């Protein structure tokens, strides 16, 4: 893997980590059960994407 590719993966990991933390923060503040479930699903999706990018480094 080239250094440019590694930088891209590091950048993507940072973005996904940020999105995941923001979705978790938001879900913790939501009272509506349906909306909270939707936001939690988005957090799970970004967690999956994070793991996919991270697996590229293994």
PDB file of N, CA and C in Angstrom:
ATOM      1  N   UNK A   1       0.846  -1.168   0.000  1.00  0.00           N
ATOM      2  CA  UNK A   1       0.000   0.000   0.000  1.00  0.00           C
ATOM      3  C   UNK A   1       0.898   1.241   0.000  1.00  0.00           C
ATOM      4  N   UNK A   2       0.562   2.193  -0.825  1.00  0.00           N
ATOM      5  CA  UNK A   2       1.379   3.396  -0.926  1.00  0.00           C
ATOM      6  C   UNK A   2       1.115   4.320   0.263  1.00  0.00           C
ATOM      7  N   UNK A   3       2.011   5.259   0.461  1.00  0.00           N
ATOM      8  CA  UNK A   3       1.841   6.209   1.563  1.00  0.00           C
ATOM      9  C   UNK A   3       0.605   7.081   1.336  1.00  0.00           C
ATOM     10  N   UNK A   4       0.306   7.390   0.086  1.00  0.00           N
ATOM     11  CA  UNK A   4      -0.880   8.187  -0.219  1.00  0.00           C
ATOM     12  C   UNK A   4      -2.155   7.405   0.132  1.00  0.00           C
ATOM     13  N   UNK A   5      -2.168   6.123  -0.157  1.00  0.00           N
ATOM     14  CA  UNK A   5      -3.317   5.287   0.186  1.00  0.00           C
ATOM     15  C   UNK A   5      -3.483   5.188   1.697  1.00  0.00           C
ATOM     16  N   UNK A   6      -2.376   5.052   2.409  1.00  0.00           N
ATOM     17  CA  UNK A   6      -2.441   4.997   3.871  1.00  0.00           C
ATOM     18  C   UNK A   6      -2.982   6.300   4.453  1.00  0.00           C
ATOM     19  N   UNK A   7      -2.573   7.423   3.881  1.00  0.00           N
ATOM     20  CA  UNK A   7      -3.079   8.713   4.339  1.00  0.00           C
ATOM     21  C   UNK A   7      -4.583   8.823   4.104  1.00  0.00           C
ATOM     22  N   UNK A   8      -5.040   8.308   2.959  1.00  0.00           N
ATOM     23  CA  UNK A   8      -6.470   8.330   2.669  1.00  0.00           C
ATOM     24  C   UNK A   8      -7.227   7.495   3.706  1.00  0.00           C
ATOM     25  N   UNK A   9      -6.726   6.321   4.024  1.00  0.00           N
ATOM     26  CA  UNK A   9      -7.392   5.449   4.987  1.00  0.00           C
ATOM     27  C   UNK A   9      -7.399   6.091   6.373  1.00  0.00           C
ATOM     28  N   UNK A  10      -6.289   6.697   6.764  1.00  0.00           N
ATOM     29  CA  UNK A  10      -6.232   7.391   8.055  1.00  0.00           C
ATOM     30  C   UNK A  10      -7.263   8.523   8.110  1.00  0.00           C
ATOM     31  N   UNK A  11      -7.372   9.263   7.027  1.00  0.00           N
ATOM     32  CA  UNK A  11      -8.332  10.357   6.945  1.00  0.00           C
ATOM     33  C   UNK A  11      -9.762   9.813   7.033  1.00  0.00           C
ATOM     34  N   UNK A  12     -10.034   8.751   6.290  1.00  0.00           N
ATOM     35  CA  UNK A  12     -11.369   8.147   6.303  1.00  0.00           C
ATOM     36  C   UNK A  12     -11.703   7.613   7.687  1.00  0.00           C
ATOM     37  N   UNK A  13     -10.728   7.000   8.367  1.00  0.00           N
ATOM     38  CA  UNK A  13     -10.949   6.508   9.731  1.00  0.00           C
ATOM     39  C   UNK A  13     -11.310   7.659  10.666  1.00  0.00           C
ATOM     40  N   UNK A  14     -10.614   8.765  10.530  1.00  0.00           N
ATOM     41  CA  UNK A  14     -10.905   9.939  11.361  1.00  0.00           C
ATOM     42  C   UNK A  14     -12.307  10.462  11.134  1.00  0.00           C
ATOM     43  N   UNK A  15     -12.724  10.513   9.878  1.00  0.00           N
ATOM     44  CA  UNK A  15     -14.076  10.989   9.564  1.00  0.00           C
ATOM     45  C   UNK A  15     -15.125  10.050  10.142  1.00  0.00           C
ATOM     46  N   UNK A  16     -14.936   8.758   9.962  1.00  0.00           N
ATOM     47  CA  UNK A  16     -15.910   7.791  10.461  1.00  0.00           C
ATOM     48  C   UNK A  16     -15.976   7.808  11.988  1.00  0.00           C
ATOM     49  N   UNK A  17     -14.834   7.955  12.630  1.00  0.00           N
ATOM     50  CA  UNK A  17     -14.800   8.033  14.093  1.00  0.00           C
ATOM     51  C   UNK A  17     -15.561   9.267  14.568  1.00  0.00           C
ATOM     52  N   UNK A  18     -15.385  10.385  13.876  1.00  0.00           N
ATOM     53  CA  UNK A  18     -16.088  11.625  14.211  1.00  0.00           C
ATOM     54  C   UNK A  18     -17.606  11.444  14.052  1.00  0.00           C
ATOM     55  N   UNK A  19     -18.024  10.909  12.889  1.00  0.00           N
ATOM     56  CA  UNK A  19     -19.454  10.698  12.642  1.00  0.00           C
ATOM     57  C   UNK A  19     -20.055   9.772  13.698  1.00  0.00           C
ATOM     58  N   UNK A  20     -19.343   8.703  14.029  1.00  0.00           N
ATOM     59  CA  UNK A  20     -19.820   7.751  15.018  1.00  0.00           C
ATOM     60  C   UNK A  20     -20.028   8.425  16.366  1.00  0.00           C
ATOM     61  N   UNK A  21     -19.062   9.225  16.790  1.00  0.00           N
ATOM     62  CA  UNK A  21     -19.196   9.888  18.089  1.00  0.00           C
ATOM     63  C   UNK A  21     -20.348  10.888  18.088  1.00  0.00           C
ATOM     64  N   UNK A  22     -20.539  11.618  17.001  1.00  0.00           N
ATOM     65  CA  UNK A  22     -21.629  12.598  16.937  1.00  0.00           C
ATOM     66  C   UNK A  22     -22.988  11.919  16.928  1.00  0.00           C
ATOM     67  N   UNK A  23     -23.111  10.800  16.196  1.00  0.00           N
ATOM     68  CA  UNK A  23     -24.384  10.083  16.194  1.00  0.00           C
ATOM     69  C   UNK A  23     -24.696   9.514  17.568  1.00  0.00           C
ATOM     70  N   UNK A  24     -23.691   9.005  18.271  1.00  0.00           N
ATOM     71  CA  UNK A  24     -23.911   8.473  19.615  1.00  0.00           C
ATOM     72  C   UNK A  24     -24.325   9.588  20.576  1.00  0.00           C
ATOM     73  N   UNK A  25     -23.658  10.737  20.486  1.00  0.00           N
ATOM     74  CA  UNK A  25     -24.025  11.883  21.332  1.00  0.00           C
ATOM     75  C   UNK A  25     -25.459  12.301  21.068  1.00  0.00           C
ATOM     76  N   UNK A  26     -25.814  12.380  19.792  1.00  0.00           N
ATOM     77  CA  UNK A  26     -27.156  12.805  19.416  1.00  0.00           C
ATOM     78  C   UNK A  26     -28.201  11.806  19.886  1.00  0.00           C
ATOM     79  N   UNK A  27     -27.948  10.516  19.676  1.00  0.00           N
ATOM     80  CA  UNK A  27     -28.899   9.485  20.091  1.00  0.00           C
ATOM     81  C   UNK A  27     -29.158   9.542  21.596  1.00  0.00           C
ATOM     82  N   UNK A  28     -28.139   9.853  22.369  1.00  0.00           N
ATOM     83  CA  UNK A  28     -28.287   9.924  23.822  1.00  0.00           C
ATOM     84  C   UNK A  28     -29.205  11.065  24.257  1.00  0.00           C
ATOM     85  N   UNK A  29     -29.372  12.062  23.397  1.00  0.00           N
ATOM     86  CA  UNK A  29     -30.180  13.228  23.749  1.00  0.00           C
ATOM     87  C   UNK A  29     -31.601  13.176  23.200  1.00  0.00           C
ATOM     88  N   UNK A  30     -31.882  12.226  22.323  1.00  0.00           N
ATOM     89  CA  UNK A  30     -33.192  12.160  21.667  1.00  0.00           C
ATOM     90  C   UNK A  30     -34.197  11.429  22.549  1.00  0.00           C
ATOM     91  N   UNK A  31     -35.379  11.987  22.651  1.00  0.00           N
ATOM     92  CA  UNK A  31     -36.455  11.391  23.446  1.00  0.00           C
ATOM     93  C   UNK A  31     -37.359  10.494  22.609  1.00  0.00           C
ATOM     94  N   UNK A  32     -37.623  10.872  21.369  1.00  0.00           N
ATOM     95  CA  UNK A  32     -38.503  10.104  20.492  1.00  0.00           C
ATOM     96  C   UNK A  32     -37.861   8.757  20.146  1.00  0.00           C
ATOM     97  N   UNK A  33     -38.549   7.680  20.449  1.00  0.00           N
ATOM     98  CA  UNK A  33     -37.993   6.329  20.280  1.00  0.00           C
ATOM     99  C   UNK A  33     -37.674   6.002  18.813  1.00  0.00           C
ATOM    100  N   UNK A  34     -38.573   6.376  17.900  1.00  0.00           N
ATOM    101  CA  UNK A  34     -38.341   6.067  16.482  1.00  0.00           C
ATOM    102  C   UNK A  34     -37.144   6.830  15.926  1.00  0.00           C
ATOM    103  N   UNK A  35     -37.065   8.094  16.262  1.00  0.00           N
ATOM    104  CA  UNK A  35     -35.948   8.910  15.796  1.00  0.00           C
ATOM    105  C   UNK A  35     -34.638   8.435  16.423  1.00  0.00           C
ATOM    106  N   UNK A  36     -34.683   8.102  17.698  1.00  0.00           N
ATOM    107  CA  UNK A  36     -33.499   7.596  18.390  1.00  0.00           C
ATOM    108  C   UNK A  36     -33.018   6.310  17.730  1.00  0.00           C
ATOM    109  N   UNK A  37     -33.931   5.420  17.390  1.00  0.00           N
ATOM    110  CA  UNK A  37     -33.591   4.172  16.724  1.00  0.00           C
ATOM    111  C   UNK A  37     -32.927   4.439  15.369  1.00  0.00           C
ATOM    112  N   UNK A  38     -33.444   5.399  14.641  1.00  0.00           N
ATOM    113  CA  UNK A  38     -32.875   5.768  13.339  1.00  0.00           C
ATOM    114  C   UNK A  38     -31.443   6.269  13.490  1.00  0.00           C
ATOM    115  N   UNK A  39     -31.216   7.142  14.452  1.00  0.00           N
ATOM    116  CA  UNK A  39     -29.876   7.694  14.672  1.00  0.00           C
ATOM    117  C   UNK A  39     -28.919   6.607  15.166  1.00  0.00           C
ATOM    118  N   UNK A  40     -29.410   5.714  16.010  1.00  0.00           N
ATOM    119  CA  UNK A  40     -28.570   4.607  16.464  1.00  0.00           C
ATOM    120  C   UNK A  40     -28.188   3.686  15.300  1.00  0.00           C
ATOM    121  N   UNK A  41     -29.100   3.497  14.354  1.00  0.00           N
ATOM    122  CA  UNK A  41     -28.800   2.696  13.161  1.00  0.00           C
ATOM    123  C   UNK A  41     -27.718   3.385  12.325  1.00  0.00           C
ATOM    124  N   UNK A  42     -27.788   4.690  12.207  1.00  0.00           N
ATOM    125  CA  UNK A  42     -26.743   5.428  11.490  1.00  0.00           C
ATOM    126  C   UNK A  42     -25.394   5.244  12.173  1.00  0.00           C
ATOM    127  N   UNK A  43     -25.391   5.261  13.499  1.00  0.00           N
ATOM    128  CA  UNK A  43     -24.147   5.046  14.254  1.00  0.00           C
ATOM    129  C   UNK A  43     -23.598   3.655  13.976  1.00  0.00           C
ATOM    130  N   UNK A  44     -24.465   2.663  13.928  1.00  0.00           N
ATOM    131  CA  UNK A  44     -24.021   1.304  13.627  1.00  0.00           C
ATOM    132  C   UNK A  44     -23.446   1.201  12.218  1.00  0.00           C
ATOM    133  N   UNK A  45     -24.071   1.894  11.281  1.00  0.00           N
ATOM    134  CA  UNK A  45     -23.565   1.893   9.903  1.00  0.00           C
ATOM    135  C   UNK A  45     -22.157   2.484   9.837  1.00  0.00           C
ATOM    136  N   UNK A  46     -21.945   3.582  10.538  1.00  0.00           N
ATOM    137  CA  UNK A  46     -20.628   4.213  10.524  1.00  0.00           C
ATOM    138  C   UNK A  46     -19.605   3.366  11.288  1.00  0.00           C
ATOM    139  N   UNK A  47     -20.056   2.654  12.288  1.00  0.00           N
ATOM    140  CA  UNK A  47     -19.170   1.734  12.993  1.00  0.00           C
ATOM    141  C   UNK A  47     -18.719   0.616  12.056  1.00  0.00           C
ATOM    142  N   UNK A  48     -19.628   0.126  11.251  1.00  0.00           N
ATOM    143  CA  UNK A  48     -19.299  -0.919  10.278  1.00  0.00           C
ATOM    144  C   UNK A  48     -18.316  -0.402   9.228  1.00  0.00           C
ATOM    145  N   UNK A  49     -18.545   0.808   8.759  1.00  0.00           N
ATOM    146  CA  UNK A  49     -17.640   1.415   7.777  1.00  0.00           C
ATOM    147  C   UNK A  49     -16.256   1.599   8.395  1.00  0.00           C
ATOM    148  N   UNK A  50     -16.213   2.054   9.653  1.00  0.00           N
ATOM    149  CA  UNK A  50     -14.938   2.228  10.354  1.00  0.00           C
ATOM    150  C   UNK A  50     -14.183   0.902  10.399  1.00  0.00           C
ATOM    151  N   UNK A  51     -14.875  -0.169  10.781  1.00  0.00           N
ATOM    152  CA  UNK A  51     -14.231  -1.482  10.858  1.00  0.00           C
ATOM    153  C   UNK A  51     -13.733  -1.939   9.491  1.00  0.00           C
ATOM    154  N   UNK A  52     -14.480  -1.627   8.447  1.00  0.00           N
ATOM    155  CA  UNK A  52     -14.045  -1.994   7.095  1.00  0.00           C
ATOM    156  C   UNK A  52     -12.760  -1.284   6.705  1.00  0.00           C
ATOM    157  N   UNK A  53     -12.694   0.009   6.970  1.00  0.00           N
ATOM    158  CA  UNK A  53     -11.465   0.759   6.687  1.00  0.00           C
ATOM    159  C   UNK A  53     -10.316   0.249   7.548  1.00  0.00           C
ATOM    160  N   UNK A  54     -10.614  -0.002   8.829  1.00  0.00           N
ATOM    161  CA  UNK A  54      -9.563  -0.461   9.737  1.00  0.00           C
ATOM    162  C   UNK A  54      -9.005  -1.805   9.310  1.00  0.00           C
ATOM    163  N   UNK A  55      -9.857  -2.656   8.773  1.00  0.00           N
ATOM    164  CA  UNK A  55      -9.396  -3.977   8.337  1.00  0.00           C
ATOM    165  C   UNK A  55      -8.418  -3.883   7.161  1.00  0.00           C
ATOM    166  N   UNK A  56      -8.465  -2.798   6.438  1.00  0.00           N
ATOM    167  CA  UNK A  56      -7.514  -2.599   5.342  1.00  0.00           C
ATOM    168  C   UNK A  56      -6.082  -2.451   5.863  1.00  0.00           C
ATOM    169  N   UNK A  57      -5.954  -2.053   7.120  1.00  0.00           N
ATOM    170  CA  UNK A  57      -4.634  -1.843   7.708  1.00  0.00           C
ATOM    171  C   UNK A  57      -4.032  -3.128   8.279  1.00  0.00           C
ATOM    172  N   UNK A  58      -4.849  -4.148   8.413  1.00  0.00           N
ATOM    173  CA  UNK A  58      -4.380  -5.419   8.997  1.00  0.00           C
ATOM    174  C   UNK A  58      -3.676  -6.293   7.962  1.00  0.00           C
TER     175      UNK A  58
END
